[in-house]
N, C-alpha and C. Protein backbone atom coordinates (compact mmCIF):
# COMPACT_ATOMS: atom_id res chain seq x y z
N UNK A 1 -19.16 7.52 -44.18
CA UNK A 1 -18.86 6.53 -43.45
C UNK A 1 -17.48 6.47 -42.34
N UNK A 2 -16.92 7.28 -42.69
CA UNK A 2 -15.32 7.34 -42.16
C UNK A 2 -15.77 7.94 -41.09
N UNK A 3 -16.77 9.15 -40.68
CA UNK A 3 -16.92 9.72 -39.33
C UNK A 3 -17.63 8.54 -38.32
N UNK A 4 -18.58 7.54 -38.91
CA UNK A 4 -19.04 6.95 -37.99
C UNK A 4 -17.90 5.55 -37.55
N UNK A 5 -16.94 5.47 -38.48
CA UNK A 5 -15.62 4.51 -37.69
C UNK A 5 -15.13 5.28 -36.62
N UNK A 6 -15.02 6.79 -36.87
CA UNK A 6 -14.28 7.40 -35.75
C UNK A 6 -15.46 7.59 -34.51
N UNK A 7 -16.46 7.75 -35.01
CA UNK A 7 -17.43 7.99 -33.57
C UNK A 7 -17.52 6.68 -33.10
N UNK A 8 -17.55 5.39 -33.44
CA UNK A 8 -17.60 4.09 -32.95
C UNK A 8 -16.40 3.78 -32.09
N UNK A 9 -15.14 4.03 -32.97
CA UNK A 9 -14.04 3.93 -32.08
C UNK A 9 -13.89 4.95 -31.00
N UNK A 10 -14.17 5.94 -30.59
CA UNK A 10 -14.35 6.66 -29.72
C UNK A 10 -15.35 6.31 -28.46
N UNK A 11 -16.14 5.93 -28.92
CA UNK A 11 -17.13 5.53 -27.95
C UNK A 11 -16.91 4.05 -27.62
N UNK A 12 -16.02 3.13 -28.07
CA UNK A 12 -15.37 1.85 -27.87
C UNK A 12 -14.47 2.47 -26.51
N UNK A 13 -13.68 3.25 -26.83
CA UNK A 13 -12.62 3.87 -26.05
C UNK A 13 -13.13 4.35 -24.67
N UNK A 14 -14.33 5.17 -24.65
CA UNK A 14 -14.78 5.58 -23.88
C UNK A 14 -15.47 4.57 -23.07
N UNK A 15 -16.16 3.67 -23.56
CA UNK A 15 -16.47 2.54 -22.70
C UNK A 15 -15.42 1.64 -21.90
N UNK A 16 -14.55 1.76 -22.70
CA UNK A 16 -13.25 0.82 -22.02
C UNK A 16 -12.88 1.44 -20.93
N UNK A 17 -12.62 2.60 -21.26
CA UNK A 17 -12.18 3.75 -19.89
C UNK A 17 -13.09 3.82 -18.71
N UNK A 18 -14.19 3.45 -18.82
CA UNK A 18 -15.37 3.83 -17.71
C UNK A 18 -15.67 2.16 -17.06
N UNK A 19 -14.94 1.22 -17.55
CA UNK A 19 -15.48 0.11 -16.82
C UNK A 19 -14.36 0.03 -15.67
N UNK A 20 -15.00 -0.60 -14.37
CA UNK A 20 -14.38 -0.57 -13.32
C UNK A 20 -13.11 -1.53 -13.06
N UNK A 21 -12.17 -1.25 -12.47
CA UNK A 21 -11.16 -2.02 -12.58
C UNK A 21 -10.71 -2.71 -11.02
N UNK A 22 -10.55 -3.72 -11.00
CA UNK A 22 -10.48 -4.41 -9.71
C UNK A 22 -8.94 -4.93 -9.71
N UNK A 23 -8.51 -4.98 -8.45
CA UNK A 23 -7.12 -5.56 -8.34
C UNK A 23 -7.50 -7.03 -7.87
N UNK A 24 -6.77 -7.94 -8.17
CA UNK A 24 -7.00 -9.38 -7.17
C UNK A 24 -6.63 -9.58 -6.02
N UNK A 25 -7.52 -9.86 -5.58
CA UNK A 25 -7.71 -10.24 -4.13
C UNK A 25 -6.37 -10.35 -3.31
N UNK A 26 -5.38 -10.83 -3.94
CA UNK A 26 -4.10 -11.52 -3.54
C UNK A 26 -3.05 -10.35 -3.97
N UNK A 27 -3.26 -9.19 -4.59
CA UNK A 27 -2.15 -8.59 -4.87
C UNK A 27 -1.29 -8.11 -4.13
N UNK A 28 -1.28 -8.10 -2.69
CA UNK A 28 -0.51 -7.72 -1.92
C UNK A 28 0.62 -8.83 -1.38
N UNK A 29 0.25 -9.86 -2.14
CA UNK A 29 1.18 -11.21 -1.31
C UNK A 29 2.50 -11.25 -2.27
N UNK A 30 3.32 -11.49 -1.24
CA UNK A 30 5.04 -11.24 -1.69
C UNK A 30 5.77 -12.45 -1.17
N UNK A 31 6.75 -12.61 -1.88
CA UNK A 31 7.64 -13.80 -1.60
C UNK A 31 7.94 -13.44 -0.41
N UNK A 32 8.67 -12.26 -0.07
CA UNK A 32 9.30 -11.95 1.29
C UNK A 32 8.14 -10.99 2.19
N UNK A 33 8.27 -11.31 3.51
CA UNK A 33 7.40 -10.57 3.84
C UNK A 33 7.70 -8.57 4.06
N UNK A 34 6.73 -8.12 4.47
CA UNK A 34 6.87 -6.39 4.24
C UNK A 34 7.27 -5.92 5.61
N UNK A 35 8.16 -5.44 6.10
CA UNK A 35 8.60 -4.81 7.00
C UNK A 35 8.50 -3.37 7.32
N UNK A 36 7.38 -2.83 8.00
CA UNK A 36 7.27 -1.21 8.43
C UNK A 36 8.11 -0.94 9.35
N UNK A 37 8.89 0.13 9.17
CA UNK A 37 9.86 0.67 10.16
C UNK A 37 9.56 2.10 10.23
N UNK A 38 9.37 2.83 11.24
CA UNK A 38 9.44 4.25 11.25
C UNK A 38 10.63 4.91 11.27
N UNK A 39 10.43 6.21 11.09
CA UNK A 39 11.85 6.93 10.57
C UNK A 39 12.30 7.57 12.31
N UNK A 40 12.91 8.99 12.04
CA UNK A 40 13.22 9.56 13.04
C UNK A 40 11.85 10.14 13.63
N UNK A 41 12.09 10.34 15.07
CA UNK A 41 10.53 10.89 15.69
C UNK A 41 9.60 9.89 15.67
N UNK A 42 9.60 8.65 14.94
CA UNK A 42 8.52 7.92 15.03
C UNK A 42 7.83 7.41 16.23
N UNK A 43 6.53 6.68 16.29
CA UNK A 43 6.02 6.29 17.72
C UNK A 43 5.32 5.29 17.14
N UNK A 44 4.66 4.62 18.04
CA UNK A 44 3.89 3.16 17.90
C UNK A 44 2.26 3.62 17.63
N UNK A 45 2.00 4.55 18.75
CA UNK A 45 0.59 5.17 18.74
C UNK A 45 0.82 6.63 19.83
N UNK A 46 -0.03 7.41 19.32
CA UNK A 46 -0.19 8.51 20.07
C UNK A 46 -2.08 8.42 20.40
N UNK A 47 -2.16 8.13 22.03
CA UNK A 47 -3.34 7.81 22.02
C UNK A 47 -4.42 6.88 21.17
N UNK A 48 -5.24 7.13 20.31
CA UNK A 48 -6.19 5.93 19.63
C UNK A 48 -5.59 6.17 18.29
N UNK A 49 -4.80 7.11 17.97
CA UNK A 49 -3.95 7.36 16.65
C UNK A 49 -2.62 6.18 16.54
N UNK A 50 -2.87 5.19 15.62
CA UNK A 50 -1.57 3.95 15.37
C UNK A 50 -1.10 4.64 14.19
N UNK A 51 0.50 4.44 14.30
CA UNK A 51 1.35 5.00 13.27
C UNK A 51 1.00 4.78 11.75
N UNK A 52 0.86 3.36 11.83
CA UNK A 52 0.82 2.71 10.36
C UNK A 52 -1.07 2.67 9.89
N UNK A 53 -1.71 3.36 10.95
CA UNK A 53 -3.23 3.35 11.07
C UNK A 53 -3.76 2.22 10.37
N UNK A 54 -4.43 2.16 9.14
CA UNK A 54 -5.26 1.00 8.66
C UNK A 54 -4.27 0.12 7.53
N UNK A 55 -2.82 0.42 7.56
CA UNK A 55 -2.06 0.02 6.48
C UNK A 55 -1.72 -1.41 6.76
N UNK A 56 -1.34 -1.80 7.77
CA UNK A 56 -0.96 -3.18 8.20
C UNK A 56 -2.34 -4.25 7.78
N UNK A 57 -3.52 -3.87 8.69
CA UNK A 57 -4.66 -4.88 8.28
C UNK A 57 -4.97 -4.89 6.71
N UNK A 58 -4.74 -3.62 6.11
CA UNK A 58 -5.40 -3.87 4.73
C UNK A 58 -4.35 -4.85 3.58
N UNK A 59 -3.21 -4.49 4.05
CA UNK A 59 -1.95 -5.36 3.74
C UNK A 59 -2.16 -6.81 3.91
N UNK A 60 -2.35 -7.05 4.95
CA UNK A 60 -2.71 -8.52 5.76
C UNK A 60 -3.84 -9.04 5.04
N UNK A 61 -5.01 -8.55 4.76
CA UNK A 61 -6.43 -8.91 4.32
C UNK A 61 -6.24 -8.89 2.77
N UNK A 62 -5.22 -8.76 2.12
CA UNK A 62 -5.23 -8.87 0.95
C UNK A 62 -3.90 -9.93 0.64
N UNK A 63 -3.32 -10.40 1.64
CA UNK A 63 -2.59 -11.61 1.39
C UNK A 63 -0.91 -11.36 1.90
N UNK A 64 -0.48 -10.24 2.16
CA UNK A 64 0.76 -9.86 2.57
C UNK A 64 1.10 -10.21 4.11
N UNK A 65 2.28 -10.62 4.16
CA UNK A 65 2.77 -10.87 5.75
C UNK A 65 3.75 -9.94 5.98
N UNK A 66 3.11 -8.81 7.50
CA UNK A 66 3.43 -7.53 7.46
C UNK A 66 4.03 -7.42 8.78
N UNK A 67 5.01 -6.78 9.12
CA UNK A 67 5.84 -6.83 10.43
C UNK A 67 5.89 -5.42 10.60
N UNK A 68 5.30 -4.98 11.59
CA UNK A 68 5.51 -3.14 11.73
C UNK A 68 6.55 -3.17 13.16
N UNK A 69 7.86 -2.66 13.05
CA UNK A 69 8.37 -2.94 13.98
C UNK A 69 8.14 -1.13 14.99
N UNK A 70 8.90 -1.46 16.08
CA UNK A 70 9.11 -0.62 17.01
C UNK A 70 10.28 -0.44 17.39
N UNK A 71 11.05 0.73 17.43
CA UNK A 71 12.37 1.04 18.02
C UNK A 71 12.40 2.81 18.43
N UNK A 72 13.35 2.97 19.09
CA UNK A 72 13.35 4.18 19.89
C UNK A 72 13.10 5.00 18.79
N UNK A 73 12.61 6.52 19.31
CA UNK A 73 12.59 7.10 18.36
C UNK A 73 13.72 8.23 17.70
N UNK A 74 14.52 8.16 18.63
CA UNK A 74 15.62 9.33 18.93
C UNK A 74 16.88 8.11 19.20
N UNK A 75 17.79 7.86 18.28
CA UNK A 75 18.56 7.22 18.69
C UNK A 75 19.78 7.28 17.58
N UNK A 76 20.82 6.92 17.54
CA UNK A 76 22.08 6.68 16.62
C UNK A 76 21.30 5.65 15.59
N UNK A 77 21.93 5.56 14.12
CA UNK A 77 21.58 4.59 13.20
C UNK A 77 21.82 3.10 13.97
N UNK A 78 23.23 3.14 14.21
CA UNK A 78 23.61 2.07 14.65
C UNK A 78 22.60 1.01 15.78
N UNK A 79 22.16 2.14 16.64
CA UNK A 79 21.45 1.40 18.05
C UNK A 79 19.95 1.16 17.23
N UNK A 80 19.24 2.05 16.34
CA UNK A 80 18.03 1.51 16.04
C UNK A 80 18.09 0.27 14.85
N UNK A 81 19.44 0.41 14.13
CA UNK A 81 19.62 -0.68 13.74
C UNK A 81 19.55 -2.23 14.34
N UNK A 82 20.20 -2.14 15.71
CA UNK A 82 19.84 -3.19 16.39
C UNK A 82 19.00 -3.40 16.73
N UNK A 83 18.09 -2.79 17.35
CA UNK A 83 17.09 -2.85 17.76
C UNK A 83 15.93 -3.15 16.78
N UNK A 84 16.15 -3.16 15.31
CA UNK A 84 15.47 -3.67 14.61
C UNK A 84 15.55 -5.60 14.54
């Protein structure tokens, strides 16, 4: 009888672990907007490759307000901060 309980408990744990997990469609919605700012040597795009690729559309699709900034890739912190 004890082995049956152990087997049943293990089966329930395995079943629960195998169920798909879905996040809510508005899981990226925040109180404040998300600001994406590249670091040193960052770029807006190189040919067809965007710096943030599919990140901005994915966040916006799920409810976030996103701003992707563009400032000079090489400059002092003060200048880059003013550009933001």
